[in-house]
Each structure stands twice: as C-alpha cells, then as structure tokens.
Amino acid sequence: MDRVAKLASQKAVVIFSKSSCCMCHAIKRLFYEQGVSPAIYELDEDARGKEMEWALTRLGCNPPVPAVFIGGKFVGSANTILTLQLNGSLKNLLKNAGAIWL
C-alpha cells in the first residue's frame, strides 16, 4: 500500500497498468491525446507487481487495472475515467493537478 501511495504522488497523473490489458491501453491513449504525460507502472513487468495489484484492489479498484491517480488521489478505473471524460470533468481534474495548462 505504501509503495502505491508513494508512486501515485510522484507525478500529476499516474496509471497502474498491465501491458496485456486492452482497457489499460485505451486509458493511456486517452491521457496522451489530452496532452498529458502520465507516469505508467506496468504491474506485469514489475517484480512487486502482484503486491501492488493487491493494494489497488484494497483501495477499491476492481478490476485492479487500469488504476488512475490524479494529483496523488485515486480517481478510479476505466469506467470512472471514461465517465469523467464524457461529462467534461476530467479536463478540470487534470488542470487542477497541473497535468495540463489549457
């Protein structure tokens, strides 16, 4: 849990992902298309990935990836991020976190 919190606070947008997850890929693309350069941690390529996956599940992220943190706070998984994008509030979250300026 501590490692996830530490990593999540190191950049304005942090995504915990798996390289084989198609929804993870879609969420990463969404952020790149917004002009955001997120920190991405591929859990299937990290020696402590299973431990972090378990911590994300304990935070309420089900499924555990993709897990998105904005401004150091857990925002949600793919459904939440897509909902925020569709209702227009994702851009404000990104601005407030300093991930985008426009």
N, C-alpha and C. Protein backbone atom coordinates (compact mmCIF):
# COMPACT_ATOMS: atom_id res chain seq x y z
N MET A 1 0.82 -1.19 0.00
CA MET A 1 0.00 0.00 0.00
C MET A 1 0.87 1.26 0.00
N ASP A 2 1.94 1.24 0.79
CA ASP A 2 2.82 2.40 0.87
C ASP A 2 3.51 2.67 -0.45
N ARG A 3 3.91 1.62 -1.13
CA ARG A 3 4.59 1.80 -2.42
C ARG A 3 3.64 2.41 -3.45
N VAL A 4 2.41 1.95 -3.49
CA VAL A 4 1.42 2.51 -4.41
C VAL A 4 1.22 3.99 -4.11
N ALA A 5 1.05 4.34 -2.83
CA ALA A 5 0.83 5.74 -2.45
C ALA A 5 2.04 6.59 -2.82
N LYS A 6 3.24 6.07 -2.60
CA LYS A 6 4.45 6.83 -2.93
C LYS A 6 4.56 7.06 -4.43
N LEU A 7 4.36 6.01 -5.21
CA LEU A 7 4.43 6.14 -6.67
C LEU A 7 3.34 7.05 -7.20
N ALA A 8 2.14 6.96 -6.62
CA ALA A 8 1.00 7.74 -7.09
C ALA A 8 1.18 9.24 -6.86
N SER A 9 2.04 9.60 -5.92
CA SER A 9 2.22 11.02 -5.61
C SER A 9 3.41 11.65 -6.33
N GLN A 10 4.10 10.88 -7.16
CA GLN A 10 5.32 11.39 -7.79
C GLN A 10 5.09 12.19 -9.07
N LYS A 11 3.90 12.14 -9.62
CA LYS A 11 3.60 12.88 -10.84
C LYS A 11 2.12 13.27 -10.83
N ALA A 12 1.75 14.25 -11.63
CA ALA A 12 0.36 14.73 -11.64
C ALA A 12 -0.63 13.63 -12.01
N VAL A 13 -0.25 12.77 -12.96
CA VAL A 13 -1.12 11.65 -13.36
C VAL A 13 -0.27 10.37 -13.33
N VAL A 14 -0.79 9.37 -12.64
CA VAL A 14 -0.12 8.08 -12.53
C VAL A 14 -1.12 7.00 -12.90
N ILE A 15 -0.69 6.09 -13.77
CA ILE A 15 -1.55 4.98 -14.19
C ILE A 15 -0.85 3.67 -13.86
N PHE A 16 -1.53 2.82 -13.11
CA PHE A 16 -1.07 1.45 -12.88
C PHE A 16 -1.77 0.59 -13.91
N SER A 17 -1.00 -0.18 -14.64
CA SER A 17 -1.49 -0.86 -15.84
C SER A 17 -0.90 -2.25 -15.94
N LYS A 18 -1.35 -2.97 -16.95
CA LYS A 18 -0.72 -4.22 -17.37
C LYS A 18 -0.53 -4.12 -18.88
N SER A 19 0.61 -4.55 -19.35
CA SER A 19 0.94 -4.39 -20.77
C SER A 19 0.00 -5.17 -21.68
N SER A 20 -0.66 -6.19 -21.17
CA SER A 20 -1.56 -7.01 -21.99
C SER A 20 -3.03 -6.60 -21.89
N CYS A 21 -3.32 -5.53 -21.17
CA CYS A 21 -4.70 -5.11 -20.91
C CYS A 21 -5.16 -4.09 -21.95
N CYS A 22 -6.19 -4.43 -22.70
CA CYS A 22 -6.67 -3.53 -23.76
C CYS A 22 -7.31 -2.26 -23.19
N MET A 23 -8.01 -2.35 -22.07
CA MET A 23 -8.59 -1.14 -21.46
C MET A 23 -7.50 -0.23 -20.91
N CYS A 24 -6.42 -0.82 -20.42
CA CYS A 24 -5.28 -0.02 -19.96
C CYS A 24 -4.72 0.78 -21.13
N HIS A 25 -4.58 0.13 -22.26
CA HIS A 25 -4.07 0.79 -23.46
C HIS A 25 -5.00 1.95 -23.85
N ALA A 26 -6.30 1.73 -23.82
CA ALA A 26 -7.27 2.77 -24.19
C ALA A 26 -7.18 3.96 -23.24
N ILE A 27 -7.04 3.71 -21.95
CA ILE A 27 -6.95 4.79 -20.97
C ILE A 27 -5.65 5.57 -21.15
N LYS A 28 -4.56 4.87 -21.38
CA LYS A 28 -3.29 5.57 -21.62
C LYS A 28 -3.40 6.46 -22.85
N ARG A 29 -4.01 5.97 -23.92
CA ARG A 29 -4.20 6.76 -25.14
C ARG A 29 -5.05 8.00 -24.87
N LEU A 30 -6.09 7.84 -24.08
CA LEU A 30 -6.95 8.96 -23.73
C LEU A 30 -6.13 10.09 -23.09
N PHE A 31 -5.27 9.73 -22.15
CA PHE A 31 -4.45 10.75 -21.50
C PHE A 31 -3.43 11.36 -22.45
N TYR A 32 -2.80 10.53 -23.27
CA TYR A 32 -1.84 11.06 -24.25
C TYR A 32 -2.53 12.03 -25.20
N GLU A 33 -3.74 11.72 -25.62
CA GLU A 33 -4.47 12.59 -26.54
C GLU A 33 -4.91 13.90 -25.88
N GLN A 34 -4.97 13.92 -24.55
CA GLN A 34 -5.28 15.15 -23.81
C GLN A 34 -4.03 16.02 -23.64
N GLY A 35 -2.87 15.48 -24.04
CA GLY A 35 -1.62 16.21 -23.86
C GLY A 35 -0.96 15.94 -22.52
N VAL A 36 -1.40 14.89 -21.85
CA VAL A 36 -0.86 14.52 -20.54
C VAL A 36 0.25 13.49 -20.74
N SER A 37 1.29 13.63 -19.93
CA SER A 37 2.38 12.65 -19.95
C SER A 37 2.38 11.93 -18.60
N PRO A 38 1.57 10.90 -18.47
CA PRO A 38 1.45 10.22 -17.17
C PRO A 38 2.64 9.32 -16.86
N ALA A 39 2.85 9.09 -15.58
CA ALA A 39 3.78 8.04 -15.16
C ALA A 39 2.99 6.74 -15.26
N ILE A 40 3.58 5.76 -15.89
CA ILE A 40 2.88 4.48 -16.08
C ILE A 40 3.70 3.36 -15.45
N TYR A 41 3.05 2.58 -14.63
CA TYR A 41 3.68 1.44 -13.99
C TYR A 41 2.98 0.17 -14.48
N GLU A 42 3.70 -0.63 -15.23
CA GLU A 42 3.17 -1.89 -15.76
C GLU A 42 3.38 -2.98 -14.70
N LEU A 43 2.30 -3.37 -14.06
CA LEU A 43 2.40 -4.31 -12.95
C LEU A 43 2.91 -5.68 -13.37
N ASP A 44 2.64 -6.08 -14.61
CA ASP A 44 3.12 -7.39 -15.06
C ASP A 44 4.61 -7.38 -15.42
N GLU A 45 5.23 -6.21 -15.38
CA GLU A 45 6.66 -6.09 -15.66
C GLU A 45 7.45 -5.68 -14.42
N ASP A 46 6.79 -5.59 -13.28
CA ASP A 46 7.42 -5.16 -12.03
C ASP A 46 7.52 -6.35 -11.09
N ALA A 47 8.66 -6.49 -10.45
CA ALA A 47 8.88 -7.61 -9.53
C ALA A 47 7.87 -7.60 -8.38
N ARG A 48 7.41 -6.41 -7.99
CA ARG A 48 6.44 -6.31 -6.89
C ARG A 48 5.03 -6.00 -7.42
N GLY A 49 4.80 -6.35 -8.67
CA GLY A 49 3.52 -6.05 -9.31
C GLY A 49 2.32 -6.69 -8.64
N LYS A 50 2.45 -7.95 -8.23
CA LYS A 50 1.32 -8.64 -7.57
C LYS A 50 0.96 -7.96 -6.26
N GLU A 51 1.98 -7.53 -5.53
CA GLU A 51 1.76 -6.83 -4.27
C GLU A 51 1.02 -5.51 -4.52
N MET A 52 1.43 -4.78 -5.55
CA MET A 52 0.76 -3.51 -5.87
C MET A 52 -0.66 -3.76 -6.38
N GLU A 53 -0.85 -4.82 -7.14
CA GLU A 53 -2.18 -5.18 -7.63
C GLU A 53 -3.12 -5.44 -6.46
N TRP A 54 -2.64 -6.15 -5.47
CA TRP A 54 -3.44 -6.44 -4.28
C TRP A 54 -3.78 -5.14 -3.55
N ALA A 55 -2.80 -4.23 -3.44
CA ALA A 55 -3.04 -2.94 -2.77
C ALA A 55 -4.09 -2.12 -3.51
N LEU A 56 -4.05 -2.15 -4.83
CA LEU A 56 -5.05 -1.42 -5.63
C LEU A 56 -6.44 -1.99 -5.42
N THR A 57 -6.54 -3.30 -5.31
CA THR A 57 -7.83 -3.94 -5.04
C THR A 57 -8.35 -3.50 -3.68
N ARG A 58 -7.47 -3.40 -2.71
CA ARG A 58 -7.87 -2.95 -1.38
C ARG A 58 -8.35 -1.50 -1.38
N LEU A 59 -7.83 -0.70 -2.32
CA LEU A 59 -8.27 0.69 -2.45
C LEU A 59 -9.66 0.79 -3.08
N GLY A 60 -10.14 -0.32 -3.63
CA GLY A 60 -11.47 -0.32 -4.25
C GLY A 60 -11.43 -0.36 -5.75
N CYS A 61 -10.27 -0.56 -6.31
CA CYS A 61 -10.15 -0.64 -7.77
C CYS A 61 -10.41 -2.08 -8.21
N ASN A 62 -11.57 -2.30 -8.81
CA ASN A 62 -11.94 -3.65 -9.23
C ASN A 62 -12.51 -3.56 -10.64
N PRO A 63 -11.82 -4.07 -11.65
CA PRO A 63 -10.55 -4.77 -11.62
C PRO A 63 -9.41 -3.82 -11.24
N PRO A 64 -8.28 -4.39 -10.78
CA PRO A 64 -7.20 -3.56 -10.26
C PRO A 64 -6.49 -2.68 -11.30
N VAL A 65 -6.62 -2.99 -12.57
CA VAL A 65 -6.01 -2.15 -13.61
C VAL A 65 -7.03 -1.90 -14.71
N PRO A 66 -7.01 -0.75 -15.34
CA PRO A 66 -6.14 0.37 -15.04
C PRO A 66 -6.61 1.11 -13.78
N ALA A 67 -5.65 1.56 -12.99
CA ALA A 67 -5.93 2.38 -11.81
C ALA A 67 -5.30 3.74 -12.05
N VAL A 68 -6.11 4.78 -11.99
CA VAL A 68 -5.65 6.12 -12.31
C VAL A 68 -5.65 7.00 -11.06
N PHE A 69 -4.52 7.67 -10.84
CA PHE A 69 -4.37 8.63 -9.77
C PHE A 69 -4.11 9.99 -10.41
N ILE A 70 -4.83 10.99 -9.96
CA ILE A 70 -4.64 12.36 -10.45
C ILE A 70 -4.40 13.24 -9.23
N GLY A 71 -3.29 13.95 -9.26
CA GLY A 71 -2.94 14.79 -8.11
C GLY A 71 -2.69 13.99 -6.85
N GLY A 72 -2.21 12.76 -7.01
CA GLY A 72 -1.91 11.90 -5.87
C GLY A 72 -3.11 11.19 -5.28
N LYS A 73 -4.30 11.42 -5.83
CA LYS A 73 -5.51 10.81 -5.29
C LYS A 73 -6.07 9.78 -6.27
N PHE A 74 -6.53 8.67 -5.71
CA PHE A 74 -7.13 7.63 -6.53
C PHE A 74 -8.43 8.14 -7.11
N VAL A 75 -8.52 8.13 -8.45
CA VAL A 75 -9.72 8.61 -9.13
C VAL A 75 -10.61 7.44 -9.51
N GLY A 76 -10.01 6.37 -10.04
CA GLY A 76 -10.81 5.22 -10.40
C GLY A 76 -10.20 4.41 -11.52
N SER A 77 -11.01 3.52 -12.03
CA SER A 77 -10.60 2.63 -13.10
C SER A 77 -11.17 3.15 -14.42
N ALA A 78 -11.17 2.31 -15.42
CA ALA A 78 -11.57 2.72 -16.77
C ALA A 78 -12.98 3.33 -16.81
N ASN A 79 -13.95 2.69 -16.15
CA ASN A 79 -15.32 3.21 -16.19
C ASN A 79 -15.41 4.63 -15.64
N THR A 80 -14.76 4.87 -14.52
CA THR A 80 -14.80 6.19 -13.90
C THR A 80 -14.13 7.23 -14.79
N ILE A 81 -12.96 6.89 -15.35
CA ILE A 81 -12.23 7.83 -16.20
C ILE A 81 -13.03 8.16 -17.45
N LEU A 82 -13.63 7.16 -18.07
CA LEU A 82 -14.44 7.41 -19.27
C LEU A 82 -15.68 8.25 -18.94
N THR A 83 -16.29 8.01 -17.80
CA THR A 83 -17.43 8.82 -17.38
C THR A 83 -17.02 10.27 -17.18
N LEU A 84 -15.87 10.49 -16.51
CA LEU A 84 -15.37 11.85 -16.30
C LEU A 84 -15.07 12.53 -17.62
N GLN A 85 -14.54 11.79 -18.57
CA GLN A 85 -14.24 12.35 -19.89
C GLN A 85 -15.53 12.75 -20.60
N LEU A 86 -16.52 11.88 -20.56
CA LEU A 86 -17.78 12.15 -21.25
C LEU A 86 -18.57 13.31 -20.64
N ASN A 87 -18.49 13.46 -19.31
CA ASN A 87 -19.25 14.56 -18.70
C ASN A 87 -18.44 15.86 -18.61
N GLY A 88 -17.21 15.82 -19.11
CA GLY A 88 -16.39 17.03 -19.19
C GLY A 88 -15.60 17.39 -17.95
N SER A 89 -15.65 16.60 -16.92
CA SER A 89 -14.94 16.98 -15.69
C SER A 89 -13.50 16.47 -15.61
N LEU A 90 -13.10 15.58 -16.50
CA LEU A 90 -11.71 15.08 -16.47
C LEU A 90 -10.73 16.21 -16.74
N LYS A 91 -11.04 17.06 -17.68
CA LYS A 91 -10.14 18.16 -18.04
C LYS A 91 -9.89 19.07 -16.83
N ASN A 92 -10.93 19.36 -16.05
CA ASN A 92 -10.76 20.19 -14.86
C ASN A 92 -9.87 19.52 -13.82
N LEU A 93 -10.06 18.22 -13.62
CA LEU A 93 -9.19 17.48 -12.70
C LEU A 93 -7.73 17.57 -13.14
N LEU A 94 -7.50 17.42 -14.43
CA LEU A 94 -6.14 17.48 -14.97
C LEU A 94 -5.54 18.87 -14.82
N LYS A 95 -6.35 19.90 -15.04
CA LYS A 95 -5.88 21.28 -14.87
C LYS A 95 -5.52 21.54 -13.41
N ASN A 96 -6.39 21.14 -12.50
CA ASN A 96 -6.16 21.37 -11.07
C ASN A 96 -4.93 20.64 -10.56
N ALA A 97 -4.61 19.51 -11.16
CA ALA A 97 -3.44 18.73 -10.75
C ALA A 97 -2.16 19.24 -11.41
N GLY A 98 -2.29 20.14 -12.38
CA GLY A 98 -1.12 20.66 -13.08
C GLY A 98 -0.65 19.76 -14.20
N ALA A 99 -1.51 18.85 -14.65
CA ALA A 99 -1.13 17.93 -15.73
C ALA A 99 -1.28 18.58 -17.09
N ILE A 100 -2.19 19.55 -17.20
CA ILE A 100 -2.38 20.32 -18.42
C ILE A 100 -2.58 21.78 -18.03
N TRP A 101 -2.36 22.67 -19.00
CA TRP A 101 -2.46 24.09 -18.69
C TRP A 101 -3.59 24.78 -19.43
N LEU A 102 -4.10 24.21 -20.48
CA LEU A 102 -5.13 24.88 -21.27
C LEU A 102 -6.53 24.51 -20.84
